[in-house]
Protein backbone atom coordinates (compact mmCIF):
# COMPACT_ATOMS: atom_id res chain seq x y z
CA MET A 1 121.85 174.25 336.27
CA SER A 2 119.49 174.84 339.21
CA ASP A 3 120.63 174.20 342.78
CA PRO A 4 119.96 170.71 344.19
CA ASP A 5 117.00 170.15 346.47
CA TYR A 6 119.20 168.49 349.10
CA ASP A 7 122.56 169.15 350.70
CA ILE A 8 123.44 165.45 351.10
CA VAL A 9 121.86 162.29 349.72
CA ILE A 10 122.73 159.02 351.50
CA THR A 11 121.93 155.76 349.73
CA GLY A 12 121.37 152.85 352.07
CA ALA A 13 119.18 153.04 355.19
CA GLY A 14 120.98 150.24 357.02
CA PRO A 15 122.68 150.83 360.39
CA VAL A 16 125.63 152.81 358.98
CA GLY A 17 123.62 155.07 356.66
CA SER A 18 120.95 155.65 359.31
CA ALA A 19 123.51 156.47 362.00
CA LEU A 20 125.25 158.91 359.65
CA ALA A 21 121.95 160.68 358.92
CA LEU A 22 121.22 161.04 362.65
CA MET A 23 124.68 162.48 363.33
CA LEU A 24 124.42 164.91 360.42
CA ALA A 25 121.01 166.05 361.69
CA HIS A 26 122.73 167.15 364.90
CA TYR A 27 124.97 169.56 362.95
CA ALA A 28 122.70 170.60 360.07
CA PRO A 29 120.81 173.93 360.22
CA GLN A 30 118.15 172.31 358.00
CA PRO A 31 117.98 168.53 358.66
CA GLU A 32 115.23 168.18 356.04
CA ARG A 33 117.86 168.93 353.38
CA ILE A 34 119.54 165.60 354.21
CA ALA A 35 117.94 162.79 352.18
CA LEU A 36 118.27 159.18 353.35
CA VAL A 37 117.20 156.77 350.61
CA GLY A 38 116.54 153.13 351.45
CA ALA A 39 114.54 150.10 350.37
CA SER A 40 112.42 150.16 353.55
CA PHE A 41 112.18 151.79 356.96
CA MET A 42 111.40 149.68 360.01
CA ARG A 43 108.83 150.85 362.55
CA ARG A 44 108.05 149.79 366.07
CA GLY A 45 105.07 147.51 366.47
CA ALA A 46 105.38 146.11 362.94
CA SER A 47 103.73 142.73 362.44
CA PRO A 48 106.01 139.65 362.48
CA ASN A 49 105.18 139.10 358.80
CA GLU A 50 106.81 142.39 357.77
CA ALA A 51 110.44 142.55 356.64
CA SER A 52 112.63 141.08 359.35
CA ASP A 53 116.28 140.06 359.31
CA PRO A 54 117.05 136.94 361.42
CA ARG A 55 120.70 137.86 362.01
CA SER A 56 122.20 138.90 365.31
CA ILE A 57 125.16 141.24 365.27
CA ALA A 58 128.10 141.93 367.62
CA VAL A 59 128.64 145.60 368.48
CA ASN A 60 131.67 146.82 370.42
CA HIS A 61 131.74 149.22 373.37
CA GLY A 62 132.59 152.30 371.31
CA SER A 63 129.73 151.66 368.89
CA ILE A 64 127.24 151.05 371.70
CA GLU A 65 128.17 154.38 373.28
CA LEU A 66 127.68 156.11 369.93
CA LEU A 67 124.29 154.48 369.36
CA ARG A 68 123.16 155.36 372.88
CA LYS A 69 123.97 159.01 372.23
CA LEU A 70 121.80 158.78 369.12
CA LYS A 71 119.02 157.18 371.23
CA ALA A 72 119.19 154.21 368.90
CA TRP A 73 120.53 151.33 371.03
CA PRO A 74 117.89 148.65 371.79
CA ALA A 75 117.06 147.85 375.40
CA HIS A 76 117.11 144.12 374.63
CA TYR A 77 120.59 142.74 373.94
CA ARG A 78 123.15 140.38 375.44
CA PRO A 79 126.25 142.03 376.93
CA ILE A 80 129.76 140.71 376.30
CA GLU A 81 131.97 141.11 379.36
CA THR A 82 134.64 138.50 378.60
CA VAL A 83 136.16 137.26 375.34
CA HIS A 84 137.91 133.87 375.37
CA VAL A 85 140.30 133.26 372.45
CA SER A 86 141.81 129.81 371.82
CA GLN A 87 143.28 127.57 369.13
CA GLN A 88 142.12 124.04 368.42
CA GLY A 89 144.75 121.38 368.87
CA ARG A 90 147.48 123.74 370.10
CA LEU A 91 148.45 125.25 373.43
CA GLY A 92 147.80 128.89 374.14
CA ARG A 93 144.73 130.93 374.88
CA THR A 94 143.92 134.41 376.13
CA VAL A 95 141.02 135.98 377.99
CA ILE A 96 140.08 139.65 377.59
CA GLN A 97 137.82 141.01 380.33
CA HIS A 98 135.89 144.23 380.67
CA THR A 99 137.77 144.99 383.89
CA ASP A 100 141.03 145.07 381.88
CA LEU A 101 139.75 148.19 380.16
CA ASN A 102 137.73 149.64 383.04
CA VAL A 103 134.39 149.49 381.20
CA ALA A 104 131.07 147.89 382.13
CA GLU A 105 131.07 145.70 379.01
CA LEU A 106 133.28 144.99 376.02
CA GLY A 107 130.28 145.02 373.71
CA GLY A 108 126.96 143.36 373.11
CA VAL A 109 124.98 141.19 370.72
CA VAL A 110 121.70 142.53 369.36
CA ASN A 111 119.13 141.39 366.84
CA TYR A 112 119.77 143.19 363.57
CA THR A 113 116.08 144.03 363.16
CA ASP A 114 115.88 145.49 366.68
CA LEU A 115 118.88 147.73 366.01
CA LEU A 116 117.52 148.93 362.68
CA THR A 117 114.08 149.58 364.18
CA GLU A 118 115.59 151.79 366.91
CA LEU A 119 117.63 153.74 364.37
CA HIS A 120 114.62 154.29 362.12
CA HIS A 121 112.47 155.30 365.10
CA SER A 122 115.02 157.99 365.98
CA LEU A 123 115.08 159.11 362.34
CA ALA A 124 111.33 159.70 362.42
CA SER A 125 111.78 162.59 364.86
CA SER A 126 115.08 163.91 363.46
CA GLY A 127 113.74 166.02 360.60
CA ILE A 128 115.69 163.97 358.05
CA SER A 129 113.96 163.36 354.70
CA CYS A 130 113.54 159.56 354.58
CA ILE A 131 112.73 158.39 351.05
CA GLU A 132 111.74 154.78 350.41
CA LEU A 133 113.02 153.30 347.14
CA LYS A 134 113.60 149.64 346.30
CA HIS A 135 116.60 150.47 344.10
CA ALA A 136 118.75 153.44 345.10
CA ALA A 137 121.92 153.63 343.02
CA LEU A 138 123.98 156.76 343.48
CA GLN A 139 124.96 158.39 340.17
CA LEU A 140 127.97 160.69 340.28
CA ASN A 141 127.12 163.37 337.76
CA GLU A 142 127.81 167.11 338.12
CA TYR A 143 125.82 166.77 341.32
CA PRO A 144 125.29 163.33 342.88
CA GLU A 145 121.78 162.05 342.30
CA VAL A 146 119.44 159.10 342.69
CA LEU A 147 116.81 158.46 340.02
CA ALA A 148 113.39 157.05 340.91
CA ASP A 149 111.08 156.66 337.93
CA THR A 150 110.44 160.27 336.92
CA ARG A 151 111.81 161.73 340.15
CA ARG A 152 115.37 162.93 340.53
CA ILE A 153 116.90 163.20 344.02
CA GLN A 154 119.89 165.49 343.64
CA ALA A 155 122.29 166.89 346.25
CA TYR A 156 125.50 168.85 346.62
CA MET A 157 127.15 165.71 348.03
CA GLY A 158 126.48 161.97 347.89
CA VAL A 159 127.25 159.14 350.31
CA GLN A 160 127.04 155.48 349.30
CA SER A 161 126.69 153.38 352.46
CA ASP A 162 125.56 150.06 350.98
CA GLY A 163 124.02 148.57 347.86
CA ILE A 164 127.27 148.13 345.91
CA ARG A 165 130.36 145.98 346.34
CA PRO A 166 133.62 147.95 346.65
CA LYS A 167 135.89 147.74 343.62
CA GLY A 168 139.61 147.46 344.30
CA LEU A 169 141.09 144.86 346.65
CA ASN A 170 139.34 141.51 346.14
CA LYS A 171 140.37 138.42 348.10
CA GLN A 172 138.50 135.12 348.16
CA TYR A 173 139.07 133.10 351.35
CA ASP A 174 137.83 129.73 350.12
CA GLN A 175 135.71 129.75 353.28
CA CYS A 176 132.03 129.94 354.07
CA ALA A 177 130.37 130.98 357.31
CA VAL A 178 127.78 128.64 358.79
CA LEU A 179 125.33 130.66 360.90
CA THR A 180 122.95 129.16 363.44
CA VAL A 181 121.89 129.29 367.09
CA VAL A 182 122.62 126.64 369.73
CA LYS A 183 121.47 126.01 373.28
CA ALA A 184 124.19 125.51 375.89
CA GLY A 185 123.78 123.12 378.80
CA GLU A 186 126.12 125.17 380.99
CA PRO A 187 125.91 128.79 379.79
CA ARG A 188 128.40 131.41 380.98
CA PRO A 189 126.63 134.79 381.05
CA GLY A 190 128.58 137.57 379.38
CA TRP A 191 131.17 135.27 377.78
CA ALA A 192 131.96 135.21 374.04
CA PHE A 193 134.29 132.69 372.43
CA GLU A 194 136.57 132.84 369.37
CA ARG A 195 138.26 129.51 368.58
CA PHE A 196 140.68 129.23 365.67
CA THR A 197 140.65 125.98 363.72
CA ARG A 198 142.63 124.82 360.70
CA GLN A 199 139.65 125.59 358.45
CA GLY A 200 138.86 129.00 359.95
CA PRO A 201 137.61 130.69 363.14
CA LEU A 202 134.59 129.48 365.11
CA ALA A 203 132.74 132.05 367.23
CA LEU A 204 130.04 131.46 369.84
CA LEU A 205 128.37 134.67 370.99
CA PRO A 206 125.65 135.18 373.62
CA HIS A 207 122.39 135.42 371.68
CA PRO A 208 119.48 137.78 372.43
CA SER A 209 116.91 134.99 372.02
CA GLY A 210 117.69 133.35 375.37
CA ALA A 211 120.02 133.33 378.38
CA ASN A 212 121.39 129.91 377.38
CA HIS A 213 121.45 130.58 373.63
CA TYR A 214 124.57 131.27 371.58
CA GLY A 215 124.93 132.47 368.03
CA VAL A 216 127.37 130.34 366.01
CA VAL A 217 129.58 131.76 363.26
CA TRP A 218 131.55 128.76 361.98
CA CYS A 219 134.02 129.57 359.20
CA CYS A 220 135.20 126.55 357.22
CA ARG A 221 135.82 125.20 353.73
CA PRO A 222 132.83 125.38 351.36
CA ASP A 223 132.45 121.58 351.22
CA THR A 224 132.49 121.36 355.02
CA ALA A 225 129.96 124.20 355.26
CA ALA A 226 127.58 122.43 352.87
CA GLN A 227 127.88 119.23 354.89
CA LEU A 228 127.24 121.07 358.18
CA ARG A 229 124.22 122.85 356.73
CA ASP A 230 122.61 119.59 355.63
CA ALA A 231 123.70 117.33 358.50
CA PRO A 232 121.11 115.93 360.92
CA ASP A 233 120.97 117.88 364.18
CA THR A 234 122.69 115.13 366.14
CA ASP A 235 125.60 114.99 363.69
CA PHE A 236 125.95 118.77 363.68
CA ASN A 237 125.96 118.84 367.48
CA THR A 238 128.63 116.15 367.62
CA GLN A 239 130.90 117.95 365.16
CA LEU A 240 130.48 121.30 366.91
CA GLN A 241 131.17 119.76 370.30
CA SER A 242 134.34 118.07 369.04
CA ILE A 243 135.69 121.41 367.76
CA PHE A 244 134.54 123.67 370.59
CA GLY A 245 134.91 121.39 373.60
CA GLU A 246 132.97 121.32 376.86
CA ARG A 247 133.31 124.99 377.92
CA LEU A 248 129.55 125.49 377.72
CA GLY A 249 128.45 121.95 378.44
CA THR A 250 126.30 120.12 375.90
CA LEU A 251 125.52 122.12 372.75
CA SER A 252 122.25 121.56 370.87
CA VAL A 253 121.42 123.30 367.58
CA LEU A 254 118.19 125.29 367.35
CA GLY A 255 116.51 126.12 364.07
CA GLU A 256 117.96 126.30 360.59
CA ARG A 257 121.54 126.81 359.40
CA ALA A 258 122.53 129.35 356.76
CA VAL A 259 125.74 129.42 354.72
CA TYR A 260 127.45 132.52 353.33
CA PRO A 261 130.67 132.64 351.24
CA LEU A 262 133.43 134.81 352.69
CA SER A 263 135.59 137.32 350.87
CA LEU A 264 137.36 140.63 351.38
CA HIS A 265 136.52 143.66 349.26
CA ALA A 266 137.96 147.10 349.84
CA GLY A 267 137.70 150.09 347.55
CA PRO A 268 138.41 153.80 347.57
CA THR A 269 136.66 156.00 350.11
CA ARG A 270 136.46 158.90 347.67
CA ILE A 271 134.10 158.30 344.74
CA GLY A 272 133.99 161.18 342.31
CA ARG A 273 134.39 164.85 343.10
CA ARG A 274 131.41 165.03 345.44
CA GLY A 275 131.00 161.46 346.63
CA ILE A 276 132.14 159.27 349.55
CA ALA A 277 131.74 155.54 350.23
CA ILE A 278 131.41 154.30 353.80
CA GLY A 279 130.53 151.03 355.53
CA ASN A 280 129.92 148.05 353.28
CA ALA A 281 130.22 150.24 350.20
CA ALA A 282 133.85 150.94 351.19
CA GLN A 283 134.87 147.59 352.68
CA THR A 284 133.40 144.16 353.40
CA LEU A 285 135.49 142.14 355.86
CA HIS A 286 135.96 138.60 357.10
CA PRO A 287 133.64 138.17 360.13
CA VAL A 288 136.45 137.26 362.55
CA ALA A 289 136.20 139.47 365.66
CA GLY A 290 132.99 141.03 364.31
CA GLN A 291 134.54 144.27 363.07
CA GLY A 292 132.52 145.09 359.93
CA LEU A 293 129.66 147.14 361.40
CA ASN A 294 131.90 148.75 364.00
CA LEU A 295 134.30 149.98 361.32
CA GLY A 296 131.36 151.31 359.29
CA LEU A 297 130.00 153.24 362.26
CA ARG A 298 133.42 154.82 362.77
CA ASP A 299 133.37 155.80 359.09
CA ALA A 300 130.03 157.52 359.69
CA ALA A 301 131.10 159.25 362.92
CA GLN A 302 134.28 160.66 361.36
CA LEU A 303 132.40 161.83 358.26
CA ALA A 304 129.71 163.62 360.28
CA HIS A 305 132.34 165.35 362.40
CA THR A 306 134.34 166.40 359.32
CA LEU A 307 131.26 167.87 357.61
CA ARG A 308 129.96 169.82 360.62
CA PHE A 309 131.10 173.23 359.32
CA TRP A 310 130.47 172.48 355.63
CA LEU A 311 126.80 171.87 356.46
CA THR A 312 126.39 175.57 357.29
CA GLN A 313 127.43 176.46 353.71
CA PRO A 314 126.71 173.36 351.61
CA SER A 315 127.01 175.15 348.26
CA GLN A 316 130.78 175.38 348.72
CA ASP A 317 132.98 172.75 347.06
CA PRO A 318 133.22 169.75 349.43
CA GLY A 319 136.29 168.37 347.63
CA PRO A 320 139.02 169.53 350.06
CA ILE A 321 136.96 168.42 353.07
CA LEU A 322 136.30 164.99 351.55
CA GLU A 323 139.99 164.56 350.75
CA HIS A 324 140.82 165.41 354.37
CA TYR A 325 138.28 162.84 355.56
CA THR A 326 139.78 160.21 353.23
CA GLN A 327 143.22 160.71 354.74
CA LEU A 328 141.84 160.59 358.30
CA ARG A 329 140.14 157.25 357.68
CA LYS A 330 143.07 155.43 356.08
CA PRO A 331 144.85 154.23 359.26
CA ASP A 332 141.75 152.74 360.89
CA ARG A 333 140.42 151.21 357.66
CA TRP A 334 143.63 149.47 356.72
CA LEU A 335 144.57 148.40 360.25
CA THR A 336 141.16 146.80 360.81
CA THR A 337 141.15 145.26 357.34
CA GLY A 338 144.65 143.91 357.96
CA ILE A 339 143.76 142.38 361.34
CA THR A 340 140.63 140.66 360.04
CA ASP A 341 142.56 139.34 357.05
CA PHE A 342 145.61 138.21 359.03
CA LEU A 343 143.97 136.40 361.96
CA PRO A 344 142.04 133.70 360.08
CA ARG A 345 145.02 133.01 357.81
CA ILE A 346 147.77 132.82 360.45
CA PHE A 347 145.86 130.27 362.53
CA SER A 348 145.00 128.04 359.57
CA THR A 349 148.33 127.70 357.77
CA LYS A 350 148.59 124.00 358.74
CA GLN A 351 152.27 124.68 359.44
CA PRO A 352 153.13 123.47 362.96
CA LEU A 353 155.80 126.11 363.64
CA VAL A 354 153.46 128.95 362.69
CA GLU A 355 150.59 127.47 364.70
CA HIS A 356 152.80 126.99 367.76
CA ALA A 357 154.06 130.57 367.42
CA ALA A 358 150.47 131.80 367.28
CA GLY A 359 149.68 129.75 370.37
CA LEU A 360 152.66 131.25 372.20
CA ALA A 361 151.42 134.72 371.25
CA LEU A 362 148.03 133.95 372.79
CA PHE A 363 149.75 132.57 375.88
CA GLY A 364 151.92 135.67 376.18
CA MET A 365 148.89 137.95 375.93
CA ASP A 366 147.16 135.94 378.63
CA LEU A 367 150.12 136.34 380.99
CA SER A 368 150.60 140.07 380.37
CA LEU A 369 147.91 142.73 380.45
CA GLY A 370 150.26 145.06 378.57
CA ALA A 371 150.68 142.51 375.77
CA ARG A 372 146.95 142.07 375.19
CA MET A 373 145.94 145.72 375.62
CA PRO A 374 146.57 146.84 371.99
CA LEU A 375 144.32 144.09 370.62
CA ALA A 376 141.76 144.63 373.40
CA HIS A 377 141.61 148.38 372.74
CA HIS A 378 141.12 147.85 369.02
CA LEU A 379 138.34 145.33 369.57
CA LEU A 380 136.77 147.72 372.12
CA GLN A 381 136.64 150.86 370.01
CA GLY A 382 138.93 150.66 366.97
CA LEU A 383 141.51 153.24 365.98
CA ARG A 384 139.95 156.65 366.65
CA ARG A 385 141.35 160.05 365.80
């Protein structure tokens, strides 16, 4: 069998796959031997009619620093300096501030399309081989490969960063997320809110579209989500206000509402002898605390660092190195998965003693910097090794 044309093939040109390619280019003697395969690649100055994702996404401090080093963090975003956590109908709340951790900001909210455009712009000058394919399934044969009509993209190692759902742990939450944008009558610059309700968490995040705009991620039962999606604007505003309160003054919905079912999927990091899954191909999480992308970027950063010496001799068996990477990622993956699974469940048990205990925990964290620091550090940058 002839040698592959590439050292690594990465399927999925989303934020995680693109960031991985940029980091690998830093270490690789021949960046052109790294193939990034994706459905499309964004470019600056594209017309509004071209592919555009309406989502905004929360990125923590550690991820922003990483993306800035890659010259891939957009100039336009909304910083998060304070996170307010509360529980509907129960006492107890906590506030995490950027000064607690001696950083300029805890994170930021950016338009998904803006982030992807910056990443792809950096890729254009990286030397990476960017290959556009609508369907890019990684096949784990003797050498990992992607088939495109009559073309075969083969490499010594393969990375699946999106495009498939992880197989392994599968948990359905019986919740949907209602996504929309609202205008606040009394905005608080730099503040983000996470409010736990008996149906699920409700987040309001500063939105890049305007200084008084907030992105809403409202997790609730599927029947409630359907009703909220179809409700007249005035009814939606009334229901949101009754749950969230008056912290931001009068809330008025802007634009459409989208509904997405929520579930947890987590599978093995190692796929085959020469393959690795990262990001959404390794785990898809509940959106509470906005940890999905941040965990995926840590997957990518650890993988690039682990492969830095292998890239100088890519024909050697990557198996031992990939096994080492798998062990390194276990603590962060399972801690983050556990937190995002535990939080929405513990606050929605509908058991008064449990809810009061959760409220006391929030109150205790608010009183003691030491008590809230572990959670604050994890939200800031995750578990890094």
